Amino acid sequence: MKRIGFILKVRQDKLEEYKEHHKAVWPEMLDALRRTGWHNYSIFAREDGLLFGYFEVPESLQAAQAGMSKEVINAKWQEFMAPYFENLGGLHPDEGMVELEEVFHLD
């Protein structure tokens, strides 16, 4: 299992609304994440909208993204969430994840 850490930036003025949407992620989206191998997924937010995400996948971030790109519900979720983010340069939020290098882990 590969551990993935990433950052993204939500517009500060949209952060509360973003958090509300994540209290009720669409069941079809949750099913797609599970089906494509995303496990132990968490997102943490700082007051200014900086997000840190963590999840575990069998292979890599790229393989996890490739699996989700085949899911129709993912395209809908990404379109729905895109207005909340800064600096995506036309990418969907899941394509704008900046993967972080793991430098320490303690089991």
PDB file of N, CA and C in Angstrom:
ATOM      1  N   MET A   1       0.859  -1.183   0.000  1.00  0.00           N
ATOM      2  CA  MET A   1       0.000   0.000   0.000  1.00  0.00           C
ATOM      3  C   MET A   1       0.896   1.234   0.000  1.00  0.00           C
ATOM      4  N   LYS A   2       0.599   2.173  -0.868  1.00  0.00           N
ATOM      5  CA  LYS A   2       1.354   3.428  -0.943  1.00  0.00           C
ATOM      6  C   LYS A   2       0.570   4.532  -0.248  1.00  0.00           C
ATOM      7  N   ARG A   3       1.242   5.277   0.609  1.00  0.00           N
ATOM      8  CA  ARG A   3       0.632   6.418   1.293  1.00  0.00           C
ATOM      9  C   ARG A   3       0.854   7.666   0.439  1.00  0.00           C
ATOM     10  N   ILE A   4      -0.224   8.429   0.239  1.00  0.00           N
ATOM     11  CA  ILE A   4      -0.169   9.644  -0.575  1.00  0.00           C
ATOM     12  C   ILE A   4      -0.544  10.837   0.296  1.00  0.00           C
ATOM     13  N   GLY A   5       0.284  11.858   0.285  1.00  0.00           N
ATOM     14  CA  GLY A   5      -0.027  13.146   0.891  1.00  0.00           C
ATOM     15  C   GLY A   5      -0.060  14.179  -0.219  1.00  0.00           C
ATOM     16  N   PHE A   6      -1.005  15.106  -0.149  1.00  0.00           N
ATOM     17  CA  PHE A   6      -1.095  16.133  -1.189  1.00  0.00           C
ATOM     18  C   PHE A   6      -1.615  17.435  -0.601  1.00  0.00           C
ATOM     19  N   ILE A   7      -1.393  18.512  -1.350  1.00  0.00           N
ATOM     20  CA  ILE A   7      -1.960  19.807  -0.983  1.00  0.00           C
ATOM     21  C   ILE A   7      -2.757  20.363  -2.157  1.00  0.00           C
ATOM     22  N   LEU A   8      -3.756  21.143  -1.822  1.00  0.00           N
ATOM     23  CA  LEU A   8      -4.583  21.912  -2.750  1.00  0.00           C
ATOM     24  C   LEU A   8      -4.996  23.179  -2.008  1.00  0.00           C
ATOM     25  N   LYS A   9      -5.477  24.167  -2.734  1.00  0.00           N
ATOM     26  CA  LYS A   9      -5.895  25.418  -2.090  1.00  0.00           C
ATOM     27  C   LYS A   9      -7.327  25.753  -2.468  1.00  0.00           C
ATOM     28  N   VAL A  10      -8.174  25.821  -1.449  1.00  0.00           N
ATOM     29  CA  VAL A  10      -9.572  26.237  -1.610  1.00  0.00           C
ATOM     30  C   VAL A  10      -9.631  27.746  -1.390  1.00  0.00           C
ATOM     31  N   ARG A  11     -10.480  28.410  -2.150  1.00  0.00           N
ATOM     32  CA  ARG A  11     -10.688  29.839  -1.932  1.00  0.00           C
ATOM     33  C   ARG A  11     -11.165  30.049  -0.498  1.00  0.00           C
ATOM     34  N   GLN A  12     -10.521  30.945   0.213  1.00  0.00           N
ATOM     35  CA  GLN A  12     -10.835  31.161   1.619  1.00  0.00           C
ATOM     36  C   GLN A  12     -12.302  31.520   1.821  1.00  0.00           C
ATOM     37  N   ASP A  13     -12.870  32.308   0.907  1.00  0.00           N
ATOM     38  CA  ASP A  13     -14.267  32.710   1.044  1.00  0.00           C
ATOM     39  C   ASP A  13     -15.239  31.564   0.763  1.00  0.00           C
ATOM     40  N   LYS A  14     -14.742  30.447   0.248  1.00  0.00           N
ATOM     41  CA  LYS A  14     -15.580  29.284  -0.050  1.00  0.00           C
ATOM     42  C   LYS A  14     -15.302  28.114   0.892  1.00  0.00           C
ATOM     43  N   LEU A  15     -14.409  28.286   1.855  1.00  0.00           N
ATOM     44  CA  LEU A  15     -13.968  27.176   2.691  1.00  0.00           C
ATOM     45  C   LEU A  15     -15.111  26.552   3.496  1.00  0.00           C
ATOM     46  N   GLU A  16     -15.947  27.345   4.118  1.00  0.00           N
ATOM     47  CA  GLU A  16     -17.031  26.786   4.936  1.00  0.00           C
ATOM     48  C   GLU A  16     -18.005  25.979   4.077  1.00  0.00           C
ATOM     49  N   GLU A  17     -18.321  26.500   2.914  1.00  0.00           N
ATOM     50  CA  GLU A  17     -19.213  25.784   2.004  1.00  0.00           C
ATOM     51  C   GLU A  17     -18.554  24.476   1.526  1.00  0.00           C
ATOM     52  N   TYR A  18     -17.269  24.535   1.219  1.00  0.00           N
ATOM     53  CA  TYR A  18     -16.508  23.346   0.828  1.00  0.00           C
ATOM     54  C   TYR A  18     -16.597  22.276   1.929  1.00  0.00           C
ATOM     55  N   LYS A  19     -16.399  22.694   3.165  1.00  0.00           N
ATOM     56  CA  LYS A  19     -16.457  21.745   4.289  1.00  0.00           C
ATOM     57  C   LYS A  19     -17.858  21.144   4.430  1.00  0.00           C
ATOM     58  N   GLU A  20     -18.884  21.947   4.224  1.00  0.00           N
ATOM     59  CA  GLU A  20     -20.258  21.432   4.294  1.00  0.00           C
ATOM     60  C   GLU A  20     -20.495  20.344   3.251  1.00  0.00           C
ATOM     61  N   HIS A  21     -20.003  20.549   2.036  1.00  0.00           N
ATOM     62  CA  HIS A  21     -20.165  19.537   0.982  1.00  0.00           C
ATOM     63  C   HIS A  21     -19.455  18.231   1.354  1.00  0.00           C
ATOM     64  N   HIS A  22     -18.372  18.344   2.095  1.00  0.00           N
ATOM     65  CA  HIS A  22     -17.633  17.139   2.460  1.00  0.00           C
ATOM     66  C   HIS A  22     -18.210  16.423   3.681  1.00  0.00           C
ATOM     67  N   LYS A  23     -19.193  17.019   4.305  1.00  0.00           N
ATOM     68  CA  LYS A  23     -19.940  16.316   5.355  1.00  0.00           C
ATOM     69  C   LYS A  23     -20.951  15.361   4.736  1.00  0.00           C
ATOM     70  N   ALA A  24     -21.233  15.559   3.450  1.00  0.00           N
ATOM     71  CA  ALA A  24     -22.235  14.738   2.762  1.00  0.00           C
ATOM     72  C   ALA A  24     -21.772  14.441   1.333  1.00  0.00           C
ATOM     73  N   VAL A  25     -20.588  13.838   1.208  1.00  0.00           N
ATOM     74  CA  VAL A  25     -20.098  13.458  -0.121  1.00  0.00           C
ATOM     75  C   VAL A  25     -21.090  12.476  -0.727  1.00  0.00           C
ATOM     76  N   TRP A  26     -21.356  12.657  -2.011  1.00  0.00           N
ATOM     77  CA  TRP A  26     -22.327  11.801  -2.686  1.00  0.00           C
ATOM     78  C   TRP A  26     -21.965  10.327  -2.507  1.00  0.00           C
ATOM     79  N   PRO A  27     -22.928   9.484  -2.136  1.00  0.00           N
ATOM     80  CA  PRO A  27     -22.653   8.056  -1.947  1.00  0.00           C
ATOM     81  C   PRO A  27     -22.024   7.397  -3.176  1.00  0.00           C
ATOM     82  N   GLU A  28     -22.437   7.816  -4.370  1.00  0.00           N
ATOM     83  CA  GLU A  28     -21.863   7.247  -5.595  1.00  0.00           C
ATOM     84  C   GLU A  28     -20.378   7.594  -5.727  1.00  0.00           C
ATOM     85  N   MET A  29     -20.004   8.776  -5.238  1.00  0.00           N
ATOM     86  CA  MET A  29     -18.598   9.186  -5.271  1.00  0.00           C
ATOM     87  C   MET A  29     -17.794   8.361  -4.273  1.00  0.00           C
ATOM     88  N   LEU A  30     -18.339   8.152  -3.097  1.00  0.00           N
ATOM     89  CA  LEU A  30     -17.659   7.319  -2.102  1.00  0.00           C
ATOM     90  C   LEU A  30     -17.468   5.897  -2.628  1.00  0.00           C
ATOM     91  N   ASP A  31     -18.491   5.368  -3.261  1.00  0.00           N
ATOM     92  CA  ASP A  31     -18.392   4.021  -3.850  1.00  0.00           C
ATOM     93  C   ASP A  31     -17.302   3.961  -4.912  1.00  0.00           C
ATOM     94  N   ALA A  32     -17.226   4.991  -5.762  1.00  0.00           N
ATOM     95  CA  ALA A  32     -16.211   5.020  -6.819  1.00  0.00           C
ATOM     96  C   ALA A  32     -14.807   5.077  -6.225  1.00  0.00           C
ATOM     97  N   LEU A  33     -14.621   5.875  -5.192  1.00  0.00           N
ATOM     98  CA  LEU A  33     -13.309   5.936  -4.533  1.00  0.00           C
ATOM     99  C   LEU A  33     -12.908   4.567  -3.991  1.00  0.00           C
ATOM    100  N   ARG A  34     -13.825   3.926  -3.311  1.00  0.00           N
ATOM    101  CA  ARG A  34     -13.531   2.593  -2.755  1.00  0.00           C
ATOM    102  C   ARG A  34     -13.247   1.577  -3.873  1.00  0.00           C
ATOM    103  N   ARG A  35     -14.061   1.622  -4.903  1.00  0.00           N
ATOM    104  CA  ARG A  35     -13.938   0.676  -6.010  1.00  0.00           C
ATOM    105  C   ARG A  35     -12.597   0.818  -6.737  1.00  0.00           C
ATOM    106  N   THR A  36     -12.063   2.039  -6.780  1.00  0.00           N
ATOM    107  CA  THR A  36     -10.813   2.270  -7.497  1.00  0.00           C
ATOM    108  C   THR A  36      -9.588   2.263  -6.580  1.00  0.00           C
ATOM    109  N   GLY A  37      -9.770   1.809  -5.335  1.00  0.00           N
ATOM    110  CA  GLY A  37      -8.629   1.549  -4.473  1.00  0.00           C
ATOM    111  C   GLY A  37      -8.191   2.649  -3.525  1.00  0.00           C
ATOM    112  N   TRP A  38      -8.999   3.692  -3.367  1.00  0.00           N
ATOM    113  CA  TRP A  38      -8.652   4.764  -2.426  1.00  0.00           C
ATOM    114  C   TRP A  38      -9.096   4.332  -1.031  1.00  0.00           C
ATOM    115  N   HIS A  39      -8.164   4.324  -0.080  1.00  0.00           N
ATOM    116  CA  HIS A  39      -8.452   3.878   1.287  1.00  0.00           C
ATOM    117  C   HIS A  39      -7.909   4.890   2.297  1.00  0.00           C
ATOM    118  N   ASN A  40      -8.523   4.882   3.470  1.00  0.00           N
ATOM    119  CA  ASN A  40      -8.035   5.682   4.594  1.00  0.00           C
ATOM    120  C   ASN A  40      -7.849   7.149   4.180  1.00  0.00           C
ATOM    121  N   TYR A  41      -8.843   7.709   3.494  1.00  0.00           N
ATOM    122  CA  TYR A  41      -8.767   9.037   2.889  1.00  0.00           C
ATOM    123  C   TYR A  41      -9.225  10.092   3.894  1.00  0.00           C
ATOM    124  N   SER A  42      -8.385  11.100   4.101  1.00  0.00           N
ATOM    125  CA  SER A  42      -8.712  12.230   4.975  1.00  0.00           C
ATOM    126  C   SER A  42      -8.286  13.524   4.305  1.00  0.00           C
ATOM    127  N   ILE A  43      -9.032  14.585   4.574  1.00  0.00           N
ATOM    128  CA  ILE A  43      -8.665  15.926   4.126  1.00  0.00           C
ATOM    129  C   ILE A  43      -8.688  16.827   5.348  1.00  0.00           C
ATOM    130  N   PHE A  44      -7.635  17.617   5.488  1.00  0.00           N
ATOM    131  CA  PHE A  44      -7.495  18.572   6.582  1.00  0.00           C
ATOM    132  C   PHE A  44      -7.419  19.970   5.986  1.00  0.00           C
ATOM    133  N   ALA A  45      -8.036  20.952   6.664  1.00  0.00           N
ATOM    134  CA  ALA A  45      -8.072  22.316   6.148  1.00  0.00           C
ATOM    135  C   ALA A  45      -7.468  23.299   7.138  1.00  0.00           C
ATOM    136  N   ARG A  46      -6.721  24.239   6.597  1.00  0.00           N
ATOM    137  CA  ARG A  46      -6.213  25.353   7.381  1.00  0.00           C
ATOM    138  C   ARG A  46      -7.155  26.532   7.163  1.00  0.00           C
ATOM    139  N   GLU A  47      -7.159  27.509   8.076  1.00  0.00           N
ATOM    140  CA  GLU A  47      -8.073  28.664   7.997  1.00  0.00           C
ATOM    141  C   GLU A  47      -8.018  29.409   6.677  1.00  0.00           C
ATOM    142  N   ASP A  48      -6.848  29.443   6.047  1.00  0.00           N
ATOM    143  CA  ASP A  48      -6.696  30.199   4.804  1.00  0.00           C
ATOM    144  C   ASP A  48      -7.098  29.397   3.568  1.00  0.00           C
ATOM    145  N   GLY A  49      -7.570  28.163   3.771  1.00  0.00           N
ATOM    146  CA  GLY A  49      -8.027  27.340   2.664  1.00  0.00           C
ATOM    147  C   GLY A  49      -7.028  26.316   2.170  1.00  0.00           C
ATOM    148  N   LEU A  50      -5.824  26.320   2.726  1.00  0.00           N
ATOM    149  CA  LEU A  50      -4.863  25.294   2.332  1.00  0.00           C
ATOM    150  C   LEU A  50      -5.361  23.946   2.820  1.00  0.00           C
ATOM    151  N   LEU A  51      -5.404  22.987   1.911  1.00  0.00           N
ATOM    152  CA  LEU A  51      -5.837  21.635   2.253  1.00  0.00           C
ATOM    153  C   LEU A  51      -4.649  20.696   2.224  1.00  0.00           C
ATOM    154  N   PHE A  52      -4.620  19.801   3.184  1.00  0.00           N
ATOM    155  CA  PHE A  52      -3.685  18.680   3.165  1.00  0.00           C
ATOM    156  C   PHE A  52      -4.544  17.425   3.105  1.00  0.00           C
ATOM    157  N   GLY A  53      -4.278  16.577   2.141  1.00  0.00           N
ATOM    158  CA  GLY A  53      -5.016  15.332   2.008  1.00  0.00           C
ATOM    159  C   GLY A  53      -4.098  14.144   2.175  1.00  0.00           C
ATOM    160  N   TYR A  54      -4.665  13.057   2.644  1.00  0.00           N
ATOM    161  CA  TYR A  54      -3.930  11.816   2.834  1.00  0.00           C
ATOM    162  C   TYR A  54      -4.835  10.655   2.443  1.00  0.00           C
ATOM    163  N   PHE A  55      -4.275   9.713   1.688  1.00  0.00           N
ATOM    164  CA  PHE A  55      -4.986   8.472   1.411  1.00  0.00           C
ATOM    165  C   PHE A  55      -3.975   7.392   1.065  1.00  0.00           C
ATOM    166  N   GLU A  56      -4.452   6.179   1.012  1.00  0.00           N
ATOM    167  CA  GLU A  56      -3.610   5.037   0.689  1.00  0.00           C
ATOM    168  C   GLU A  56      -4.175   4.345  -0.540  1.00  0.00           C
ATOM    169  N   VAL A  57      -3.270   3.911  -1.421  1.00  0.00           N
ATOM    170  CA  VAL A  57      -3.647   3.254  -2.669  1.00  0.00           C
ATOM    171  C   VAL A  57      -2.730   2.065  -2.912  1.00  0.00           C
ATOM    172  N   PRO A  58      -3.177   1.102  -3.727  1.00  0.00           N
ATOM    173  CA  PRO A  58      -2.329  -0.053  -4.011  1.00  0.00           C
ATOM    174  C   PRO A  58      -1.041   0.299  -4.758  1.00  0.00           C
ATOM    175  N   GLU A  59      -1.087   1.290  -5.682  1.00  0.00           N
ATOM    176  CA  GLU A  59       0.069   1.549  -6.543  1.00  0.00           C
ATOM    177  C   GLU A  59       0.665   2.945  -6.396  1.00  0.00           C
ATOM    178  N   SER A  60      -0.048   3.956  -6.917  1.00  0.00           N
ATOM    179  CA  SER A  60       0.485   5.318  -6.985  1.00  0.00           C
ATOM    180  C   SER A  60      -0.650   6.320  -7.120  1.00  0.00           C
ATOM    181  N   LEU A  61      -0.320   7.593  -6.937  1.00  0.00           N
ATOM    182  CA  LEU A  61      -1.304   8.648  -7.163  1.00  0.00           C
ATOM    183  C   LEU A  61      -1.795   8.606  -8.604  1.00  0.00           C
ATOM    184  N   GLN A  62      -0.886   8.428  -9.537  1.00  0.00           N
ATOM    185  CA  GLN A  62      -1.250   8.428 -10.949  1.00  0.00           C
ATOM    186  C   GLN A  62      -2.206   7.274 -11.280  1.00  0.00           C
ATOM    187  N   ALA A  63      -1.948   6.099 -10.728  1.00  0.00           N
ATOM    188  CA  ALA A  63      -2.835   4.954 -10.967  1.00  0.00           C
ATOM    189  C   ALA A  63      -4.205   5.201 -10.333  1.00  0.00           C
ATOM    190  N   ALA A  64      -4.217   5.798  -9.136  1.00  0.00           N
ATOM    191  CA  ALA A  64      -5.484   6.110  -8.467  1.00  0.00           C
ATOM    192  C   ALA A  64      -6.278   7.123  -9.284  1.00  0.00           C
ATOM    193  N   GLN A  65      -5.604   8.141  -9.800  1.00  0.00           N
ATOM    194  CA  GLN A  65      -6.272   9.141 -10.628  1.00  0.00           C
ATOM    195  C   GLN A  65      -6.789   8.523 -11.926  1.00  0.00           C
ATOM    196  N   ALA A  66      -6.019   7.636 -12.504  1.00  0.00           N
ATOM    197  CA  ALA A  66      -6.437   6.974 -13.749  1.00  0.00           C
ATOM    198  C   ALA A  66      -7.701   6.156 -13.515  1.00  0.00           C
ATOM    199  N   GLY A  67      -7.767   5.458 -12.397  1.00  0.00           N
ATOM    200  CA  GLY A  67      -8.967   4.691 -12.073  1.00  0.00           C
ATOM    201  C   GLY A  67     -10.181   5.580 -11.928  1.00  0.00           C
ATOM    202  N   MET A  68     -10.018   6.696 -11.221  1.00  0.00           N
ATOM    203  CA  MET A  68     -11.145   7.606 -11.017  1.00  0.00           C
ATOM    204  C   MET A  68     -11.539   8.321 -12.303  1.00  0.00           C
ATOM    205  N   SER A  69     -10.609   8.509 -13.228  1.00  0.00           N
ATOM    206  CA  SER A  69     -10.942   9.202 -14.475  1.00  0.00           C
ATOM    207  C   SER A  69     -11.940   8.413 -15.321  1.00  0.00           C
ATOM    208  N   LYS A  70     -12.078   7.131 -15.035  1.00  0.00           N
ATOM    209  CA  LYS A  70     -13.028   6.282 -15.764  1.00  0.00           C
ATOM    210  C   LYS A  70     -14.417   6.280 -15.127  1.00  0.00           C
ATOM    211  N   GLU A  71     -14.537   6.921 -13.990  1.00  0.00           N
ATOM    212  CA  GLU A  71     -15.802   6.951 -13.245  1.00  0.00           C
ATOM    213  C   GLU A  71     -16.607   8.195 -13.627  1.00  0.00           C
ATOM    214  N   VAL A  72     -17.798   8.007 -14.173  1.00  0.00           N
ATOM    215  CA  VAL A  72     -18.655   9.121 -14.586  1.00  0.00           C
ATOM    216  C   VAL A  72     -18.959  10.046 -13.409  1.00  0.00           C
ATOM    217  N   ILE A  73     -19.200   9.490 -12.248  1.00  0.00           N
ATOM    218  CA  ILE A  73     -19.534  10.303 -11.075  1.00  0.00           C
ATOM    219  C   ILE A  73     -18.373  11.203 -10.687  1.00  0.00           C
ATOM    220  N   ASN A  74     -17.147  10.757 -10.910  1.00  0.00           N
ATOM    221  CA  ASN A  74     -15.989  11.579 -10.581  1.00  0.00           C
ATOM    222  C   ASN A  74     -15.958  12.850 -11.426  1.00  0.00           C
ATOM    223  N   ALA A  75     -16.248  12.728 -12.706  1.00  0.00           N
ATOM    224  CA  ALA A  75     -16.279  13.919 -13.564  1.00  0.00           C
ATOM    225  C   ALA A  75     -17.318  14.918 -13.054  1.00  0.00           C
ATOM    226  N   LYS A  76     -18.462  14.421 -12.635  1.00  0.00           N
ATOM    227  CA  LYS A  76     -19.514  15.302 -12.109  1.00  0.00           C
ATOM    228  C   LYS A  76     -19.076  15.971 -10.813  1.00  0.00           C
ATOM    229  N   TRP A  77     -18.450  15.202  -9.904  1.00  0.00           N
ATOM    230  CA  TRP A  77     -17.979  15.747  -8.628  1.00  0.00           C
ATOM    231  C   TRP A  77     -16.892  16.794  -8.863  1.00  0.00           C
ATOM    232  N   GLN A  78     -15.961  16.507  -9.758  1.00  0.00           N
ATOM    233  CA  GLN A  78     -14.867  17.439 -10.029  1.00  0.00           C
ATOM    234  C   GLN A  78     -15.389  18.747 -10.627  1.00  0.00           C
ATOM    235  N   GLU A  79     -16.349  18.662 -11.506  1.00  0.00           N
ATOM    236  CA  GLU A  79     -16.967  19.867 -12.074  1.00  0.00           C
ATOM    237  C   GLU A  79     -17.689  20.668 -10.991  1.00  0.00           C
ATOM    238  N   PHE A  80     -18.385  19.953 -10.111  1.00  0.00           N
ATOM    239  CA  PHE A  80     -19.124  20.589  -9.017  1.00  0.00           C
ATOM    240  C   PHE A  80     -18.171  21.299  -8.054  1.00  0.00           C
ATOM    241  N   MET A  81     -17.021  20.684  -7.759  1.00  0.00           N
ATOM    242  CA  MET A  81     -16.091  21.225  -6.778  1.00  0.00           C
ATOM    243  C   MET A  81     -15.117  22.253  -7.355  1.00  0.00           C
ATOM    244  N   ALA A  82     -14.898  22.265  -8.654  1.00  0.00           N
ATOM    245  CA  ALA A  82     -13.881  23.135  -9.264  1.00  0.00           C
ATOM    246  C   ALA A  82     -13.982  24.608  -8.857  1.00  0.00           C
ATOM    247  N   PRO A  83     -15.177  25.206  -8.751  1.00  0.00           N
ATOM    248  CA  PRO A  83     -15.247  26.625  -8.397  1.00  0.00           C
ATOM    249  C   PRO A  83     -14.714  26.961  -6.998  1.00  0.00           C
ATOM    250  N   TYR A  84     -14.520  25.968  -6.171  1.00  0.00           N
ATOM    251  CA  TYR A  84     -14.044  26.204  -4.813  1.00  0.00           C
ATOM    252  C   TYR A  84     -12.529  26.396  -4.741  1.00  0.00           C
ATOM    253  N   PHE A  85     -11.808  26.026  -5.794  1.00  0.00           N
ATOM    254  CA  PHE A  85     -10.353  25.965  -5.738  1.00  0.00           C
ATOM    255  C   PHE A  85      -9.665  27.140  -6.414  1.00  0.00           C
ATOM    256  N   GLU A  86      -8.456  27.425  -5.933  1.00  0.00           N
ATOM    257  CA  GLU A  86      -7.574  28.428  -6.518  1.00  0.00           C
ATOM    258  C   GLU A  86      -6.503  27.733  -7.354  1.00  0.00           C
ATOM    259  N   ASN A  87      -6.023  28.447  -8.358  1.00  0.00           N
ATOM    260  CA  ASN A  87      -4.815  28.066  -9.089  1.00  0.00           C
ATOM    261  C   ASN A  87      -4.833  26.673  -9.701  1.00  0.00           C
ATOM    262  N   LEU A  88      -5.935  26.294 -10.300  1.00  0.00           N
ATOM    263  CA  LEU A  88      -5.988  24.985 -10.946  1.00  0.00           C
ATOM    264  C   LEU A  88      -5.548  25.042 -12.410  1.00  0.00           C
ATOM    265  N   GLY A  89      -5.506  26.221 -12.976  1.00  0.00           N
ATOM    266  CA  GLY A  89      -5.067  26.359 -14.357  1.00  0.00           C
ATOM    267  C   GLY A  89      -5.879  25.539 -15.340  1.00  0.00           C
ATOM    268  N   GLY A  90      -7.181  25.447 -15.107  1.00  0.00           N
ATOM    269  CA  GLY A  90      -8.051  24.699 -16.011  1.00  0.00           C
ATOM    270  C   GLY A  90      -8.159  23.217 -15.706  1.00  0.00           C
ATOM    271  N   LEU A  91      -7.430  22.737 -14.719  1.00  0.00           N
ATOM    272  CA  LEU A  91      -7.498  21.331 -14.335  1.00  0.00           C
ATOM    273  C   LEU A  91      -8.673  21.089 -13.388  1.00  0.00           C
ATOM    274  N   HIS A  92      -9.111  19.852 -13.304  1.00  0.00           N
ATOM    275  CA  HIS A  92     -10.051  19.468 -12.254  1.00  0.00           C
ATOM    276  C   HIS A  92      -9.282  19.406 -10.940  1.00  0.00           C
ATOM    277  N   PRO A  93      -9.970  19.563  -9.814  1.00  0.00           N
ATOM    278  CA  PRO A  93      -9.275  19.513  -8.536  1.00  0.00           C
ATOM    279  C   PRO A  93      -8.423  18.255  -8.342  1.00  0.00           C
ATOM    280  N   ASP A  94      -8.930  17.092  -8.755  1.00  0.00           N
ATOM    281  CA  ASP A  94      -8.155  15.868  -8.541  1.00  0.00           C
ATOM    282  C   ASP A  94      -6.914  15.805  -9.438  1.00  0.00           C
ATOM    283  N   GLU A  95      -6.881  16.619 -10.486  1.00  0.00           N
ATOM    284  CA  GLU A  95      -5.700  16.695 -11.347  1.00  0.00           C
ATOM    285  C   GLU A  95      -4.713  17.747 -10.837  1.00  0.00           C
ATOM    286  N   GLY A  96      -5.174  18.624  -9.951  1.00  0.00           N
ATOM    287  CA  GLY A  96      -4.331  19.695  -9.428  1.00  0.00           C
ATOM    288  C   GLY A  96      -3.651  19.363  -8.116  1.00  0.00           C
ATOM    289  N   MET A  97      -3.814  18.142  -7.650  1.00  0.00           N
ATOM    290  CA  MET A  97      -3.171  17.741  -6.396  1.00  0.00           C
ATOM    291  C   MET A  97      -1.652  17.837  -6.541  1.00  0.00           C
ATOM    292  N   VAL A  98      -1.019  18.461  -5.575  1.00  0.00           N
ATOM    293  CA  VAL A  98       0.439  18.504  -5.539  1.00  0.00           C
ATOM    294  C   VAL A  98       0.879  17.419  -4.561  1.00  0.00           C
ATOM    295  N   GLU A  99       1.443  16.345  -5.100  1.00  0.00           N
ATOM    296  CA  GLU A  99       1.861  15.222  -4.254  1.00  0.00           C
ATOM    297  C   GLU A  99       3.081  15.618  -3.433  1.00  0.00           C
ATOM    298  N   LEU A 100       3.056  15.243  -2.169  1.00  0.00           N
ATOM    299  CA  LEU A 100       4.153  15.531  -1.254  1.00  0.00           C
ATOM    300  C   LEU A 100       5.031  14.296  -1.089  1.00  0.00           C
ATOM    301  N   GLU A 101       6.306  14.522  -0.879  1.00  0.00           N
ATOM    302  CA  GLU A 101       7.244  13.429  -0.633  1.00  0.00           C
ATOM    303  C   GLU A 101       7.130  12.988   0.827  1.00  0.00           C
ATOM    304  N   GLU A 102       6.971  11.700   1.040  1.00  0.00           N
ATOM    305  CA  GLU A 102       6.966  11.180   2.408  1.00  0.00           C
ATOM    306  C   GLU A 102       8.398  11.150   2.925  1.00  0.00           C
ATOM    307  N   VAL A 103       8.629  11.805   4.040  1.00  0.00           N
ATOM    308  CA  VAL A 103       9.981  11.840   4.606  1.00  0.00           C
ATOM    309  C   VAL A 103      10.093  11.116   5.943  1.00  0.00           C
ATOM    310  N   PHE A 104       8.953  10.724   6.517  1.00  0.00           N
ATOM    311  CA  PHE A 104       8.976   9.961   7.771  1.00  0.00           C
ATOM    312  C   PHE A 104       7.656   9.242   7.937  1.00  0.00           C
ATOM    313  N   HIS A 105       7.710   8.059   8.515  1.00  0.00           N
ATOM    314  CA  HIS A 105       6.513   7.281   8.823  1.00  0.00           C
ATOM    315  C   HIS A 105       6.797   6.424  10.043  1.00  0.00           C
ATOM    316  N   LEU A 106       5.847   6.376  10.956  1.00  0.00           N
ATOM    317  CA  LEU A 106       5.933   5.526  12.150  1.00  0.00           C
ATOM    318  C   LEU A 106       4.675   4.685  12.207  1.00  0.00           C
ATOM    319  N   ASP A 107       4.803   3.380  12.192  1.00  0.00           N
ATOM    320  CA  ASP A 107       3.649   2.488  12.355  1.00  0.00           C
ATOM    321  C   ASP A 107       3.321   2.350  13.811  1.00  0.00           C
TER     322      ASP A 107
END
